[in-house]
Amino acid sequence: MARYEATIMETVRHMEVPAPPEQTAEVRSVAWTGEAADQGGAQQAAYAAWDEKYGAGQRPTQAIVKVTPLGS
């Protein structure tokens, strides 16, 4: 197995009118580093970390997913 780093960042729609600071949405993200069989496995592990952090059924509808191989 190889080592990977995977990051998932939720994307947020831009609003036409700037929202007051107290109404600004938090951008959720998670980073995972570990061993996986391939990049798809690393992405699945990152989504499992997402579920652990934010709860099952809370995955983003739009996300930026970055998987970086770190070597064997």
N, C-alpha and C. Protein backbone atom coordinates (compact mmCIF):
# COMPACT_ATOMS: atom_id res chain seq x y z
N MET A 1 0.84 -1.19 0.00
CA MET A 1 0.00 0.00 0.00
C MET A 1 0.88 1.25 0.00
N ALA A 2 0.35 2.28 -0.57
CA ALA A 2 1.06 3.56 -0.63
C ALA A 2 0.43 4.55 0.34
N ARG A 3 1.19 5.59 0.69
CA ARG A 3 0.67 6.64 1.58
C ARG A 3 0.09 7.77 0.73
N TYR A 4 -1.00 8.32 1.21
CA TYR A 4 -1.68 9.42 0.53
C TYR A 4 -2.08 10.47 1.54
N GLU A 5 -2.26 11.67 1.02
CA GLU A 5 -2.89 12.75 1.77
C GLU A 5 -4.12 13.14 0.96
N ALA A 6 -5.26 13.19 1.61
CA ALA A 6 -6.50 13.56 0.93
C ALA A 6 -7.17 14.69 1.71
N THR A 7 -7.63 15.69 0.98
CA THR A 7 -8.31 16.84 1.58
C THR A 7 -9.66 17.01 0.89
N ILE A 8 -10.69 17.22 1.68
CA ILE A 8 -12.02 17.52 1.16
C ILE A 8 -12.42 18.87 1.72
N MET A 9 -12.81 19.78 0.82
CA MET A 9 -13.25 21.11 1.24
C MET A 9 -14.60 21.38 0.58
N GLU A 10 -15.55 21.73 1.40
CA GLU A 10 -16.88 22.06 0.91
C GLU A 10 -16.83 23.38 0.15
N THR A 11 -17.50 23.44 -0.98
CA THR A 11 -17.58 24.70 -1.71
C THR A 11 -18.89 25.39 -1.33
N VAL A 12 -18.85 26.71 -1.31
CA VAL A 12 -20.00 27.50 -0.89
C VAL A 12 -20.41 28.39 -2.06
N ARG A 13 -21.70 28.47 -2.29
CA ARG A 13 -22.19 29.36 -3.35
C ARG A 13 -21.95 30.80 -2.96
N HIS A 14 -21.58 31.62 -3.94
CA HIS A 14 -21.38 33.04 -3.69
C HIS A 14 -22.73 33.74 -3.64
N MET A 15 -22.85 34.63 -2.70
CA MET A 15 -24.10 35.38 -2.55
C MET A 15 -23.98 36.70 -3.30
N GLU A 16 -25.09 37.17 -3.82
CA GLU A 16 -25.13 38.45 -4.54
C GLU A 16 -24.85 39.61 -3.60
N VAL A 17 -25.43 39.57 -2.40
CA VAL A 17 -25.26 40.64 -1.42
C VAL A 17 -24.41 40.08 -0.28
N PRO A 18 -23.36 40.77 0.11
CA PRO A 18 -22.54 40.26 1.21
C PRO A 18 -23.36 40.09 2.49
N ALA A 19 -23.16 38.96 3.15
CA ALA A 19 -23.88 38.69 4.40
C ALA A 19 -23.13 39.33 5.56
N PRO A 20 -23.85 39.71 6.60
CA PRO A 20 -23.18 40.22 7.80
C PRO A 20 -22.28 39.13 8.38
N PRO A 21 -21.21 39.51 9.08
CA PRO A 21 -20.27 38.51 9.61
C PRO A 21 -20.94 37.42 10.45
N GLU A 22 -21.97 37.76 11.20
CA GLU A 22 -22.62 36.75 12.03
C GLU A 22 -23.41 35.73 11.21
N GLN A 23 -23.65 36.01 9.93
CA GLN A 23 -24.37 35.09 9.06
C GLN A 23 -23.45 34.40 8.05
N THR A 24 -22.16 34.62 8.13
CA THR A 24 -21.23 34.01 7.20
C THR A 24 -21.16 32.51 7.47
N ALA A 25 -21.31 31.72 6.43
CA ALA A 25 -21.29 30.26 6.58
C ALA A 25 -19.87 29.76 6.80
N GLU A 26 -19.74 28.78 7.66
CA GLU A 26 -18.46 28.13 7.89
C GLU A 26 -18.17 27.19 6.73
N VAL A 27 -16.94 27.20 6.25
CA VAL A 27 -16.54 26.28 5.20
C VAL A 27 -15.98 25.05 5.89
N ARG A 28 -16.65 23.93 5.71
CA ARG A 28 -16.22 22.70 6.36
C ARG A 28 -15.14 22.02 5.52
N SER A 29 -14.20 21.37 6.21
CA SER A 29 -13.14 20.64 5.51
C SER A 29 -12.61 19.55 6.41
N VAL A 30 -11.92 18.61 5.79
CA VAL A 30 -11.26 17.54 6.53
C VAL A 30 -10.01 17.15 5.76
N ALA A 31 -8.96 16.79 6.50
CA ALA A 31 -7.72 16.30 5.90
C ALA A 31 -7.44 14.92 6.47
N TRP A 32 -7.03 14.01 5.63
CA TRP A 32 -6.72 12.64 6.02
C TRP A 32 -5.37 12.26 5.44
N THR A 33 -4.54 11.57 6.21
CA THR A 33 -3.26 11.05 5.74
C THR A 33 -3.16 9.61 6.22
N GLY A 34 -2.81 8.72 5.30
CA GLY A 34 -2.68 7.32 5.68
C GLY A 34 -2.38 6.45 4.49
N GLU A 35 -2.47 5.13 4.70
CA GLU A 35 -2.19 4.17 3.64
C GLU A 35 -3.49 3.73 2.98
N ALA A 36 -3.41 3.57 1.66
CA ALA A 36 -4.56 3.11 0.89
C ALA A 36 -4.04 2.36 -0.33
N ALA A 37 -4.88 1.52 -0.89
CA ALA A 37 -4.49 0.73 -2.07
C ALA A 37 -4.29 1.62 -3.29
N ASP A 38 -5.10 2.69 -3.39
CA ASP A 38 -5.01 3.58 -4.54
C ASP A 38 -5.64 4.92 -4.17
N GLN A 39 -5.69 5.84 -5.15
CA GLN A 39 -6.24 7.17 -4.87
C GLN A 39 -7.72 7.11 -4.53
N GLY A 40 -8.44 6.20 -5.14
CA GLY A 40 -9.86 6.04 -4.82
C GLY A 40 -10.05 5.59 -3.38
N GLY A 41 -9.19 4.70 -2.91
CA GLY A 41 -9.25 4.25 -1.53
C GLY A 41 -8.93 5.38 -0.57
N ALA A 42 -7.98 6.22 -0.95
CA ALA A 42 -7.63 7.37 -0.12
C ALA A 42 -8.81 8.34 -0.04
N GLN A 43 -9.49 8.55 -1.16
CA GLN A 43 -10.65 9.44 -1.16
C GLN A 43 -11.77 8.86 -0.29
N GLN A 44 -11.99 7.55 -0.36
CA GLN A 44 -13.01 6.92 0.48
C GLN A 44 -12.67 7.07 1.96
N ALA A 45 -11.39 6.92 2.29
CA ALA A 45 -10.96 7.07 3.68
C ALA A 45 -11.17 8.51 4.15
N ALA A 46 -10.93 9.48 3.27
CA ALA A 46 -11.15 10.88 3.62
C ALA A 46 -12.63 11.14 3.88
N TYR A 47 -13.50 10.55 3.05
CA TYR A 47 -14.94 10.72 3.28
C TYR A 47 -15.38 10.02 4.56
N ALA A 48 -14.73 8.92 4.93
CA ALA A 48 -15.03 8.27 6.22
C ALA A 48 -14.64 9.21 7.36
N ALA A 49 -13.50 9.90 7.21
CA ALA A 49 -13.09 10.88 8.22
C ALA A 49 -14.09 12.04 8.28
N TRP A 50 -14.62 12.42 7.12
CA TRP A 50 -15.65 13.47 7.07
C TRP A 50 -16.87 13.03 7.88
N ASP A 51 -17.32 11.80 7.63
CA ASP A 51 -18.48 11.28 8.35
C ASP A 51 -18.25 11.27 9.86
N GLU A 52 -17.03 10.92 10.26
CA GLU A 52 -16.70 10.89 11.68
C GLU A 52 -16.72 12.30 12.28
N LYS A 53 -16.24 13.26 11.52
CA LYS A 53 -16.15 14.64 12.02
C LYS A 53 -17.50 15.34 12.03
N TYR A 54 -18.28 15.18 10.93
CA TYR A 54 -19.51 15.95 10.78
C TYR A 54 -20.79 15.12 10.93
N GLY A 55 -20.66 13.81 10.96
CA GLY A 55 -21.83 12.94 11.10
C GLY A 55 -22.24 12.32 9.78
N ALA A 56 -22.76 11.12 9.87
CA ALA A 56 -23.24 10.41 8.68
C ALA A 56 -24.37 11.21 8.04
N GLY A 57 -24.40 11.24 6.73
CA GLY A 57 -25.44 11.96 6.01
C GLY A 57 -25.18 13.45 5.89
N GLN A 58 -24.01 13.91 6.30
CA GLN A 58 -23.70 15.34 6.26
C GLN A 58 -22.63 15.68 5.22
N ARG A 59 -22.45 14.82 4.23
CA ARG A 59 -21.44 15.07 3.20
C ARG A 59 -21.84 16.27 2.35
N PRO A 60 -20.84 16.99 1.84
CA PRO A 60 -21.14 18.17 1.03
C PRO A 60 -21.74 17.78 -0.32
N THR A 61 -22.63 18.63 -0.83
CA THR A 61 -23.18 18.38 -2.15
C THR A 61 -22.19 18.80 -3.22
N GLN A 62 -21.35 19.79 -2.91
CA GLN A 62 -20.28 20.22 -3.80
C GLN A 62 -19.01 20.33 -2.99
N ALA A 63 -17.95 19.70 -3.49
CA ALA A 63 -16.70 19.71 -2.73
C ALA A 63 -15.51 19.72 -3.67
N ILE A 64 -14.41 20.21 -3.15
CA ILE A 64 -13.12 20.12 -3.82
C ILE A 64 -12.38 18.99 -3.12
N VAL A 65 -11.99 17.96 -3.87
CA VAL A 65 -11.31 16.81 -3.30
C VAL A 65 -9.92 16.75 -3.93
N LYS A 66 -8.90 16.73 -3.08
CA LYS A 66 -7.52 16.66 -3.56
C LYS A 66 -6.84 15.46 -2.92
N VAL A 67 -6.30 14.57 -3.75
CA VAL A 67 -5.58 13.39 -3.26
C VAL A 67 -4.16 13.48 -3.77
N THR A 68 -3.20 13.41 -2.85
CA THR A 68 -1.78 13.53 -3.19
C THR A 68 -1.02 12.28 -2.73
N PRO A 69 -0.36 11.58 -3.66
CA PRO A 69 0.46 10.44 -3.25
C PRO A 69 1.69 10.92 -2.48
N LEU A 70 2.00 10.25 -1.38
CA LEU A 70 3.16 10.60 -0.58
C LEU A 70 4.28 9.58 -0.72
N GLY A 71 4.04 8.50 -1.43
CA GLY A 71 5.05 7.46 -1.61
C GLY A 71 4.63 6.18 -0.92
N SER A 72 5.48 5.18 -1.01
CA SER A 72 5.16 3.86 -0.46
C SER A 72 5.44 3.78 1.02
